[in-house]
PDB file of all heavy atoms in Angstrom:
ATOM      1  N   PHE A   1     -19.991 -13.126  32.707  1.00  0.00           N
ATOM      2  CA  PHE A   1     -20.136 -12.698  31.317  1.00  0.00           C
ATOM      3  C   PHE A   1     -20.825 -13.789  30.505  1.00  0.00           C
ATOM      4  O   PHE A   1     -21.750 -13.518  29.740  1.00  0.00           O
ATOM      5  CB  PHE A   1     -18.774 -12.362  30.708  1.00  0.00           C
ATOM      6  CG  PHE A   1     -18.825 -12.040  29.242  1.00  0.00           C
ATOM      7  CD1 PHE A   1     -19.192 -10.775  28.812  1.00  0.00           C
ATOM      8  CD2 PHE A   1     -18.519 -13.008  28.294  1.00  0.00           C
ATOM      9  CE1 PHE A   1     -19.252 -10.479  27.451  1.00  0.00           C
ATOM     10  CE2 PHE A   1     -18.578 -12.723  26.938  1.00  0.00           C
ATOM     11  CZ  PHE A   1     -18.948 -11.452  26.518  1.00  0.00           C
ATOM     12  N   CYS A   2     -20.367 -15.019  30.673  1.00  0.00           N
ATOM     13  CA  CYS A   2     -20.965 -16.135  29.925  1.00  0.00           C
ATOM     14  C   CYS A   2     -22.419 -16.357  30.341  1.00  0.00           C
ATOM     15  O   CYS A   2     -23.275 -16.604  29.494  1.00  0.00           O
ATOM     16  CB  CYS A   2     -20.150 -17.404  30.143  1.00  0.00           C
ATOM     17  SG  CYS A   2     -18.533 -17.351  29.364  1.00  0.00           S
ATOM     18  N   GLU A   3     -22.672 -16.267  31.639  1.00  0.00           N
ATOM     19  CA  GLU A   3     -24.046 -16.443  32.114  1.00  0.00           C
ATOM     20  C   GLU A   3     -24.942 -15.322  31.594  1.00  0.00           C
ATOM     21  O   GLU A   3     -26.111 -15.553  31.289  1.00  0.00           O
ATOM     22  CB  GLU A   3     -24.074 -16.480  33.638  1.00  0.00           C
ATOM     23  CG  GLU A   3     -23.468 -17.733  34.213  1.00  0.00           C
ATOM     24  CD  GLU A   3     -23.270 -17.665  35.720  1.00  0.00           C
ATOM     25  OE1 GLU A   3     -23.664 -16.651  36.343  1.00  0.00           O
ATOM     26  OE2 GLU A   3     -22.708 -18.629  36.269  1.00  0.00           O
ATOM     27  N   GLY A   4     -24.401 -14.106  31.485  1.00  0.00           N
ATOM     28  CA  GLY A   4     -25.158 -12.972  30.950  1.00  0.00           C
ATOM     29  C   GLY A   4     -25.533 -13.169  29.490  1.00  0.00           C
ATOM     30  O   GLY A   4     -26.489 -12.572  29.000  1.00  0.00           O
ATOM     31  N   ARG A   5     -24.780 -13.992  28.804  1.00  0.00           N
ATOM     32  CA  ARG A   5     -25.085 -14.315  27.406  1.00  0.00           C
ATOM     33  C   ARG A   5     -26.013 -15.522  27.318  1.00  0.00           C
ATOM     34  O   ARG A   5     -26.223 -16.074  26.256  1.00  0.00           O
ATOM     35  CB  ARG A   5     -23.798 -14.607  26.634  1.00  0.00           C
ATOM     36  CG  ARG A   5     -22.883 -13.405  26.500  1.00  0.00           C
ATOM     37  CD  ARG A   5     -21.588 -13.762  25.791  1.00  0.00           C
ATOM     38  NE  ARG A   5     -21.752 -14.552  24.589  1.00  0.00           N
ATOM     39  CZ  ARG A   5     -22.058 -14.071  23.368  1.00  0.00           C
ATOM     40  NH1 ARG A   5     -22.222 -12.783  23.218  1.00  0.00           N
ATOM     41  NH2 ARG A   5     -22.171 -14.869  22.336  1.00  0.00           N
ATOM     42  N   ASN A   6     -26.533 -15.951  28.475  1.00  0.00           N
ATOM     43  CA  ASN A   6     -27.403 -17.133  28.574  1.00  0.00           C
ATOM     44  C   ASN A   6     -26.709 -18.377  28.046  1.00  0.00           C
ATOM     45  O   ASN A   6     -27.302 -19.191  27.348  1.00  0.00           O
ATOM     46  CB  ASN A   6     -28.731 -16.907  27.852  1.00  0.00           C
ATOM     47  CG  ASN A   6     -29.567 -15.850  28.537  1.00  0.00           C
ATOM     48  OD1 ASN A   6     -29.561 -15.745  29.772  1.00  0.00           O
ATOM     49  ND2 ASN A   6     -30.269 -15.046  27.756  1.00  0.00           N
ATOM     50  N   GLU A   7     -25.428 -18.471  28.324  1.00  0.00           N
ATOM     51  CA  GLU A   7     -24.648 -19.646  27.935  1.00  0.00           C
ATOM     52  C   GLU A   7     -23.955 -20.176  29.174  1.00  0.00           C
ATOM     53  O   GLU A   7     -23.513 -19.410  30.017  1.00  0.00           O
ATOM     54  CB  GLU A   7     -23.558 -19.280  26.925  1.00  0.00           C
ATOM     55  CG  GLU A   7     -24.046 -18.761  25.617  1.00  0.00           C
ATOM     56  CD  GLU A   7     -22.883 -18.381  24.703  1.00  0.00           C
ATOM     57  OE1 GLU A   7     -21.723 -18.534  25.093  1.00  0.00           O
ATOM     58  OE2 GLU A   7     -23.162 -17.919  23.592  1.00  0.00           O
ATOM     59  N   LYS A   8     -23.871 -21.472  29.262  1.00  0.00           N
ATOM     60  CA  LYS A   8     -22.982 -22.001  30.282  1.00  0.00           C
ATOM     61  C   LYS A   8     -21.569 -21.818  29.744  1.00  0.00           C
ATOM     62  O   LYS A   8     -21.385 -21.637  28.530  1.00  0.00           O
ATOM     63  CB  LYS A   8     -23.289 -23.463  30.574  1.00  0.00           C
ATOM     64  CG  LYS A   8     -23.023 -24.398  29.411  1.00  0.00           C
ATOM     65  CD  LYS A   8     -23.292 -25.821  29.795  1.00  0.00           C
ATOM     66  CE  LYS A   8     -22.887 -26.707  28.617  1.00  0.00           C
ATOM     67  NZ  LYS A   8     -22.939 -28.082  28.916  1.00  0.00           N
ATOM     68  N   PRO A   9     -20.570 -21.797  30.599  1.00  0.00           N
ATOM     69  CA  PRO A   9     -19.199 -21.662  30.092  1.00  0.00           C
ATOM     70  C   PRO A   9     -18.916 -22.719  29.030  1.00  0.00           C
ATOM     71  O   PRO A   9     -19.068 -23.911  29.279  1.00  0.00           O
ATOM     72  CB  PRO A   9     -18.346 -21.864  31.341  1.00  0.00           C
ATOM     73  CG  PRO A   9     -19.234 -21.411  32.449  1.00  0.00           C
ATOM     74  CD  PRO A   9     -20.622 -21.845  32.040  1.00  0.00           C
ATOM     75  N   SER A  10     -18.574 -22.256  27.833  1.00  0.00           N
ATOM     76  CA  SER A  10     -18.399 -23.168  26.715  1.00  0.00           C
ATOM     77  C   SER A  10     -17.413 -22.575  25.722  1.00  0.00           C
ATOM     78  O   SER A  10     -16.936 -21.460  25.878  1.00  0.00           O
ATOM     79  CB  SER A  10     -19.740 -23.393  26.025  1.00  0.00           C
ATOM     80  OG  SER A  10     -20.192 -22.178  25.481  1.00  0.00           O
ATOM     81  N   MET A  11     -17.150 -23.348  24.690  1.00  0.00           N
ATOM     82  CA  MET A  11     -16.249 -22.886  23.635  1.00  0.00           C
ATOM     83  C   MET A  11     -16.823 -21.657  22.922  1.00  0.00           C
ATOM     84  O   MET A  11     -16.075 -20.795  22.490  1.00  0.00           O
ATOM     85  CB  MET A  11     -15.987 -24.004  22.623  1.00  0.00           C
ATOM     86  CG  MET A  11     -15.188 -25.159  23.179  1.00  0.00           C
ATOM     87  SD  MET A  11     -13.514 -24.702  23.609  1.00  0.00           S
ATOM     88  CE  MET A  11     -12.707 -24.919  22.041  1.00  0.00           C
ATOM     89  N   GLU A  12     -18.156 -21.572  22.801  1.00  0.00           N
ATOM     90  CA  GLU A  12     -18.761 -20.424  22.141  1.00  0.00           C
ATOM     91  C   GLU A  12     -18.481 -19.145  22.929  1.00  0.00           C
ATOM     92  O   GLU A  12     -18.123 -18.114  22.367  1.00  0.00           O
ATOM     93  CB  GLU A  12     -20.270 -20.620  21.959  1.00  0.00           C
ATOM     94  CG  GLU A  12     -20.633 -21.685  20.957  1.00  0.00           C
ATOM     95  CD  GLU A  12     -20.547 -23.106  21.525  1.00  0.00           C
ATOM     96  OE1 GLU A  12     -20.602 -23.280  22.767  1.00  0.00           O
ATOM     97  OE2 GLU A  12     -20.382 -24.031  20.723  1.00  0.00           O
ATOM     98  N   CYS A  13     -18.671 -19.219  24.243  1.00  0.00           N
ATOM     99  CA  CYS A  13     -18.403 -18.050  25.080  1.00  0.00           C
ATOM    100  C   CYS A  13     -16.907 -17.736  25.076  1.00  0.00           C
ATOM    101  O   CYS A  13     -16.519 -16.565  25.009  1.00  0.00           O
ATOM    102  CB  CYS A  13     -18.886 -18.315  26.503  1.00  0.00           C
ATOM    103  SG  CYS A  13     -18.737 -16.869  27.561  1.00  0.00           S
ATOM    104  N   LEU A  14     -16.088 -18.765  25.128  1.00  0.00           N
ATOM    105  CA  LEU A  14     -14.638 -18.574  25.085  1.00  0.00           C
ATOM    106  C   LEU A  14     -14.232 -17.883  23.789  1.00  0.00           C
ATOM    107  O   LEU A  14     -13.390 -16.984  23.789  1.00  0.00           O
ATOM    108  CB  LEU A  14     -13.931 -19.928  25.221  1.00  0.00           C
ATOM    109  CG  LEU A  14     -12.428 -19.915  25.384  1.00  0.00           C
ATOM    110  CD1 LEU A  14     -12.034 -19.220  26.686  1.00  0.00           C
ATOM    111  CD2 LEU A  14     -11.887 -21.343  25.384  1.00  0.00           C
ATOM    112  N   SER A  15     -14.858 -18.251  22.693  1.00  0.00           N
ATOM    113  CA  SER A  15     -14.565 -17.644  21.400  1.00  0.00           C
ATOM    114  C   SER A  15     -14.883 -16.151  21.408  1.00  0.00           C
ATOM    115  O   SER A  15     -14.107 -15.337  20.894  1.00  0.00           O
ATOM    116  CB  SER A  15     -15.364 -18.346  20.304  1.00  0.00           C
ATOM    117  OG  SER A  15     -15.162 -17.723  19.070  1.00  0.00           O
ATOM    118  N   VAL A  16     -16.005 -15.769  22.009  1.00  0.00           N
ATOM    119  CA  VAL A  16     -16.374 -14.353  22.095  1.00  0.00           C
ATOM    120  C   VAL A  16     -15.348 -13.593  22.929  1.00  0.00           C
ATOM    121  O   VAL A  16     -14.916 -12.496  22.560  1.00  0.00           O
ATOM    122  CB  VAL A  16     -17.785 -14.205  22.702  1.00  0.00           C
ATOM    123  CG1 VAL A  16     -18.094 -12.752  23.013  1.00  0.00           C
ATOM    124  CG2 VAL A  16     -18.830 -14.777  21.761  1.00  0.00           C
ATOM    125  N   LEU A  17     -14.928 -14.178  24.043  1.00  0.00           N
ATOM    126  CA  LEU A  17     -13.941 -13.535  24.907  1.00  0.00           C
ATOM    127  C   LEU A  17     -12.596 -13.402  24.196  1.00  0.00           C
ATOM    128  O   LEU A  17     -11.930 -12.376  24.315  1.00  0.00           O
ATOM    129  CB  LEU A  17     -13.786 -14.326  26.203  1.00  0.00           C
ATOM    130  CG  LEU A  17     -14.986 -14.277  27.140  1.00  0.00           C
ATOM    131  CD1 LEU A  17     -14.886 -15.374  28.197  1.00  0.00           C
ATOM    132  CD2 LEU A  17     -15.109 -12.912  27.784  1.00  0.00           C
ATOM    133  N   PHE A  18     -12.208 -14.424  23.464  1.00  0.00           N
ATOM    134  CA  PHE A  18     -10.952 -14.370  22.710  1.00  0.00           C
ATOM    135  C   PHE A  18     -11.004 -13.285  21.643  1.00  0.00           C
ATOM    136  O   PHE A  18     -10.019 -12.591  21.403  1.00  0.00           O
ATOM    137  CB  PHE A  18     -10.646 -15.710  22.052  1.00  0.00           C
ATOM    138  CG  PHE A  18     -10.124 -16.768  22.975  1.00  0.00           C
ATOM    139  CD1 PHE A  18      -9.953 -18.061  22.509  1.00  0.00           C
ATOM    140  CD2 PHE A  18      -9.796 -16.501  24.295  1.00  0.00           C
ATOM    141  CE1 PHE A  18      -9.468 -19.049  23.336  1.00  0.00           C
ATOM    142  CE2 PHE A  18      -9.314 -17.488  25.137  1.00  0.00           C
ATOM    143  CZ  PHE A  18      -9.148 -18.772  24.653  1.00  0.00           C
ATOM    144  N   ASP A  19     -12.144 -13.152  20.981  1.00  0.00           N
ATOM    145  CA  ASP A  19     -12.272 -12.159  19.910  1.00  0.00           C
ATOM    146  C   ASP A  19     -12.020 -10.743  20.425  1.00  0.00           C
ATOM    147  O   ASP A  19     -11.382  -9.935  19.743  1.00  0.00           O
ATOM    148  CB  ASP A  19     -13.650 -12.241  19.256  1.00  0.00           C
ATOM    149  CG  ASP A  19     -13.790 -13.442  18.336  1.00  0.00           C
ATOM    150  OD1 ASP A  19     -12.751 -14.042  17.981  1.00  0.00           O
ATOM    151  OD2 ASP A  19     -14.936 -13.792  17.994  1.00  0.00           O
ATOM    152  N   ASP A  20     -12.510 -10.454  21.625  1.00  0.00           N
ATOM    153  CA  ASP A  20     -12.280  -9.119  22.197  1.00  0.00           C
ATOM    154  C   ASP A  20     -10.798  -8.861  22.401  1.00  0.00           C
ATOM    155  O   ASP A  20     -10.292  -7.793  22.046  1.00  0.00           O
ATOM    156  CB  ASP A  20     -13.017  -8.964  23.534  1.00  0.00           C
ATOM    157  CG  ASP A  20     -14.521  -8.840  23.359  1.00  0.00           C
ATOM    158  OD1 ASP A  20     -14.958  -8.502  22.241  1.00  0.00           O
ATOM    159  OD2 ASP A  20     -15.247  -9.072  24.344  1.00  0.00           O
ATOM    160  N   TYR A  21     -10.105  -9.825  22.975  1.00  0.00           N
ATOM    161  CA  TYR A  21      -8.684  -9.623  23.238  1.00  0.00           C
ATOM    162  C   TYR A  21      -7.862  -9.702  21.954  1.00  0.00           C
ATOM    163  O   TYR A  21      -6.848  -9.032  21.823  1.00  0.00           O
ATOM    164  CB  TYR A  21      -8.166 -10.629  24.268  1.00  0.00           C
ATOM    165  CG  TYR A  21      -6.910 -10.164  24.956  1.00  0.00           C
ATOM    166  CD1 TYR A  21      -6.975  -9.283  26.020  1.00  0.00           C
ATOM    167  CD2 TYR A  21      -5.659 -10.563  24.508  1.00  0.00           C
ATOM    168  CE1 TYR A  21      -5.822  -8.829  26.646  1.00  0.00           C
ATOM    169  CE2 TYR A  21      -4.500 -10.117  25.125  1.00  0.00           C
ATOM    170  CZ  TYR A  21      -4.588  -9.249  26.192  1.00  0.00           C
ATOM    171  OH  TYR A  21      -3.454  -8.795  26.797  1.00  0.00           O
ATOM    172  N   LEU A  22      -8.318 -10.512  21.002  1.00  0.00           N
ATOM    173  CA  LEU A  22      -7.640 -10.603  19.710  1.00  0.00           C
ATOM    174  C   LEU A  22      -7.670  -9.250  19.004  1.00  0.00           C
ATOM    175  O   LEU A  22      -6.698  -8.858  18.359  1.00  0.00           O
ATOM    176  CB  LEU A  22      -8.280 -11.680  18.844  1.00  0.00           C
ATOM    177  CG  LEU A  22      -7.650 -11.922  17.486  1.00  0.00           C
ATOM    178  CD1 LEU A  22      -6.209 -12.387  17.631  1.00  0.00           C
ATOM    179  CD2 LEU A  22      -8.459 -12.949  16.709  1.00  0.00           C
ATOM    180  N   HIS A  23      -8.769  -8.531  19.157  1.00  0.00           N
ATOM    181  CA  HIS A  23      -8.863  -7.191  18.582  1.00  0.00           C
ATOM    182  C   HIS A  23      -7.781  -6.282  19.171  1.00  0.00           C
ATOM    183  O   HIS A  23      -7.106  -5.555  18.445  1.00  0.00           O
ATOM    184  CB  HIS A  23     -10.260  -6.613  18.834  1.00  0.00           C
ATOM    185  CG  HIS A  23     -10.467  -5.255  18.254  1.00  0.00           C
ATOM    186  ND1 HIS A  23     -10.570  -5.024  16.901  1.00  0.00           N
ATOM    187  CD2 HIS A  23     -10.555  -4.045  18.851  1.00  0.00           C
ATOM    188  CE1 HIS A  23     -10.717  -3.733  16.692  1.00  0.00           C
ATOM    189  NE2 HIS A  23     -10.713  -3.108  17.853  1.00  0.00           N
ATOM    190  N   LEU A  24      -7.575  -6.357  20.484  1.00  0.00           N
ATOM    191  CA  LEU A  24      -6.520  -5.579  21.138  1.00  0.00           C
ATOM    192  C   LEU A  24      -5.139  -6.008  20.645  1.00  0.00           C
ATOM    193  O   LEU A  24      -4.291  -5.165  20.343  1.00  0.00           O
ATOM    194  CB  LEU A  24      -6.602  -5.739  22.657  1.00  0.00           C
ATOM    195  CG  LEU A  24      -5.475  -5.103  23.466  1.00  0.00           C
ATOM    196  CD1 LEU A  24      -5.481  -3.592  23.305  1.00  0.00           C
ATOM    197  CD2 LEU A  24      -5.589  -5.498  24.928  1.00  0.00           C
ATOM    198  N   PHE A  25      -4.929  -7.313  20.532  1.00  0.00           N
ATOM    199  CA  PHE A  25      -3.651  -7.827  20.034  1.00  0.00           C
ATOM    200  C   PHE A  25      -3.382  -7.302  18.623  1.00  0.00           C
ATOM    201  O   PHE A  25      -2.271  -6.864  18.317  1.00  0.00           O
ATOM    202  CB  PHE A  25      -3.644  -9.357  20.050  1.00  0.00           C
ATOM    203  CG  PHE A  25      -2.404  -9.960  19.467  1.00  0.00           C
ATOM    204  CD1 PHE A  25      -1.240 -10.073  20.219  1.00  0.00           C
ATOM    205  CD2 PHE A  25      -2.380 -10.428  18.157  1.00  0.00           C
ATOM    206  CE1 PHE A  25      -0.090 -10.617  19.685  1.00  0.00           C
ATOM    207  CE2 PHE A  25      -1.234 -10.981  17.611  1.00  0.00           C
ATOM    208  CZ  PHE A  25      -0.084 -11.079  18.381  1.00  0.00           C
ATOM    209  N   ASN A  26      -4.387  -7.350  17.768  1.00  0.00           N
ATOM    210  CA  ASN A  26      -4.225  -6.855  16.394  1.00  0.00           C
ATOM    211  C   ASN A  26      -3.885  -5.367  16.373  1.00  0.00           C
ATOM    212  O   ASN A  26      -3.051  -4.931  15.578  1.00  0.00           O
ATOM    213  CB  ASN A  26      -5.487  -7.122  15.578  1.00  0.00           C
ATOM    214  CG  ASN A  26      -5.632  -8.583  15.218  1.00  0.00           C
ATOM    215  OD1 ASN A  26      -4.657  -9.308  15.083  1.00  0.00           O
ATOM    216  ND2 ASN A  26      -6.869  -9.032  15.101  1.00  0.00           N
ATOM    217  N   GLU A  27      -4.512  -4.588  17.248  1.00  0.00           N
ATOM    218  CA  GLU A  27      -4.190  -3.161  17.328  1.00  0.00           C
ATOM    219  C   GLU A  27      -2.744  -2.949  17.774  1.00  0.00           C
ATOM    220  O   GLU A  27      -2.042  -2.091  17.236  1.00  0.00           O
ATOM    221  CB  GLU A  27      -5.134  -2.456  18.298  1.00  0.00           C
ATOM    222  CG  GLU A  27      -6.517  -2.232  17.759  1.00  0.00           C
ATOM    223  CD  GLU A  27      -7.428  -1.536  18.758  1.00  0.00           C
ATOM    224  OE1 GLU A  27      -6.941  -1.079  19.812  1.00  0.00           O
ATOM    225  OE2 GLU A  27      -8.632  -1.448  18.466  1.00  0.00           O
ATOM    226  N   GLN A  28      -2.313  -3.729  18.743  1.00  0.00           N
ATOM    227  CA  GLN A  28      -0.937  -3.625  19.214  1.00  0.00           C
ATOM    228  C   GLN A  28       0.047  -3.976  18.103  1.00  0.00           C
ATOM    229  O   GLN A  28       1.062  -3.301  17.925  1.00  0.00           O
ATOM    230  CB  GLN A  28      -0.708  -4.536  20.426  1.00  0.00           C
ATOM    231  CG  GLN A  28      -1.427  -4.082  21.669  1.00  0.00           C
ATOM    232  CD  GLN A  28      -1.355  -5.110  22.774  1.00  0.00           C
ATOM    233  OE1 GLN A  28      -1.300  -6.324  22.544  1.00  0.00           O
ATOM    234  NE2 GLN A  28      -1.368  -4.625  24.013  1.00  0.00           N
ATOM    235  N   MET A  29      -0.247  -5.011  17.348  1.00  0.00           N
ATOM    236  CA  MET A  29       0.640  -5.415  16.254  1.00  0.00           C
ATOM    237  C   MET A  29       0.646  -4.363  15.150  1.00  0.00           C
ATOM    238  O   MET A  29       1.690  -4.075  14.568  1.00  0.00           O
ATOM    239  CB  MET A  29       0.234  -6.773  15.698  1.00  0.00           C
ATOM    240  CG  MET A  29       0.490  -7.929  16.642  1.00  0.00           C
ATOM    241  SD  MET A  29       2.219  -8.147  17.064  1.00  0.00           S
ATOM    242  CE  MET A  29       2.862  -8.784  15.539  1.00  0.00           C
ATOM    243  N   ARG A  30      -0.507  -3.785  14.854  1.00  0.00           N
ATOM    244  CA  ARG A  30      -0.575  -2.746  13.817  1.00  0.00           C
ATOM    245  C   ARG A  30       0.132  -1.467  14.245  1.00  0.00           C
ATOM    246  O   ARG A  30       0.509  -0.658  13.399  1.00  0.00           O
ATOM    247  CB  ARG A  30      -2.022  -2.477  13.428  1.00  0.00           C
ATOM    248  CG  ARG A  30      -2.596  -3.532  12.496  1.00  0.00           C
ATOM    249  CD  ARG A  30      -3.902  -3.083  11.897  1.00  0.00           C
ATOM    250  NE  ARG A  30      -4.966  -2.988  12.888  1.00  0.00           N
ATOM    251  CZ  ARG A  30      -5.845  -3.945  13.154  1.00  0.00           C
ATOM    252  NH1 ARG A  30      -5.800  -5.074  12.499  1.00  0.00           N
ATOM    253  NH2 ARG A  30      -6.771  -3.764  14.070  1.00  0.00           N
ATOM    254  N   SER A  31       0.316  -1.279  15.551  1.00  0.00           N
ATOM    255  CA  SER A  31       1.036  -0.084  16.015  1.00  0.00           C
ATOM    256  C   SER A  31       2.527  -0.177  15.699  1.00  0.00           C
ATOM    257  O   SER A  31       3.229   0.827  15.734  1.00  0.00           O
ATOM    258  CB  SER A  31       0.821   0.117  17.516  1.00  0.00           C
ATOM    259  OG  SER A  31       1.527  -0.853  18.269  1.00  0.00           O
ATOM    260  N   LEU A  32       2.998  -1.379  15.396  1.00  0.00           N
ATOM    261  CA  LEU A  32       4.402  -1.577  15.013  1.00  0.00           C
ATOM    262  C   LEU A  32       4.537  -1.499  13.502  1.00  0.00           C
ATOM    263  O   LEU A  32       3.575  -1.742  12.768  1.00  0.00           O
ATOM    264  CB  LEU A  32       4.894  -2.950  15.474  1.00  0.00           C
ATOM    265  CG  LEU A  32       4.894  -3.246  16.964  1.00  0.00           C
ATOM    266  CD1 LEU A  32       5.241  -4.718  17.193  1.00  0.00           C
ATOM    267  CD2 LEU A  32       5.885  -2.362  17.688  1.00  0.00           C
ATOM    268  N   ASN A  33       5.731  -1.211  13.031  1.00  0.00           N
ATOM    269  CA  ASN A  33       6.012  -1.330  11.601  1.00  0.00           C
ATOM    270  C   ASN A  33       6.012  -2.801  11.244  1.00  0.00           C
ATOM    271  O   ASN A  33       6.383  -3.653  12.059  1.00  0.00           O
ATOM    272  CB  ASN A  33       7.390  -0.740  11.268  1.00  0.00           C
ATOM    273  CG  ASN A  33       7.418   0.747  11.467  1.00  0.00           C
ATOM    274  OD1 ASN A  33       6.416   1.418  11.275  1.00  0.00           O
ATOM    275  ND2 ASN A  33       8.570   1.261  11.873  1.00  0.00           N
ATOM    276  N   SER A  34       5.617  -3.124  10.042  1.00  0.00           N
ATOM    277  CA  SER A  34       5.584  -4.534   9.646  1.00  0.00           C
ATOM    278  C   SER A  34       6.970  -5.171   9.691  1.00  0.00           C
ATOM    279  O   SER A  34       7.091  -6.383   9.867  1.00  0.00           O
ATOM    280  CB  SER A  34       4.969  -4.691   8.252  1.00  0.00           C
ATOM    281  OG  SER A  34       5.729  -3.991   7.303  1.00  0.00           O
ATOM    282  N   THR A  35       8.013  -4.383   9.564  1.00  0.00           N
ATOM    283  CA  THR A  35       9.371  -4.942   9.666  1.00  0.00           C
ATOM    284  C   THR A  35       9.701  -5.326  11.109  1.00  0.00           C
ATOM    285  O   THR A  35      10.554  -6.177  11.334  1.00  0.00           O
ATOM    286  CB  THR A  35      10.422  -3.937   9.157  1.00  0.00           C
ATOM    287  OG1 THR A  35      10.276  -2.714   9.889  1.00  0.00           O
ATOM    288  CG2 THR A  35      10.258  -3.679   7.672  1.00  0.00           C
ATOM    289  N   ASP A  36       9.027  -4.698  12.073  1.00  0.00           N
ATOM    290  CA  ASP A  36       9.256  -5.022  13.483  1.00  0.00           C
ATOM    291  C   ASP A  36       8.526  -6.279  13.929  1.00  0.00           C
ATOM    292  O   ASP A  36       8.759  -6.778  15.025  1.00  0.00           O
ATOM    293  CB  ASP A  36       8.832  -3.848  14.376  1.00  0.00           C
ATOM    294  CG  ASP A  36       9.752  -2.653  14.235  1.00  0.00           C
ATOM    295  OD1 ASP A  36      10.907  -2.844  13.801  1.00  0.00           O
ATOM    296  OD2 ASP A  36       9.309  -1.531  14.559  1.00  0.00           O
TER     297      ASP A  36
END
């Protein structure tokens, strides 16, 4: 994935990968009531 972005494995590529999973995490948290 990082090579496909023409990047060597780096913090920039790691940040992009984290953002994808962070989106999933945020969806999971929003599926709960805020009191939960």
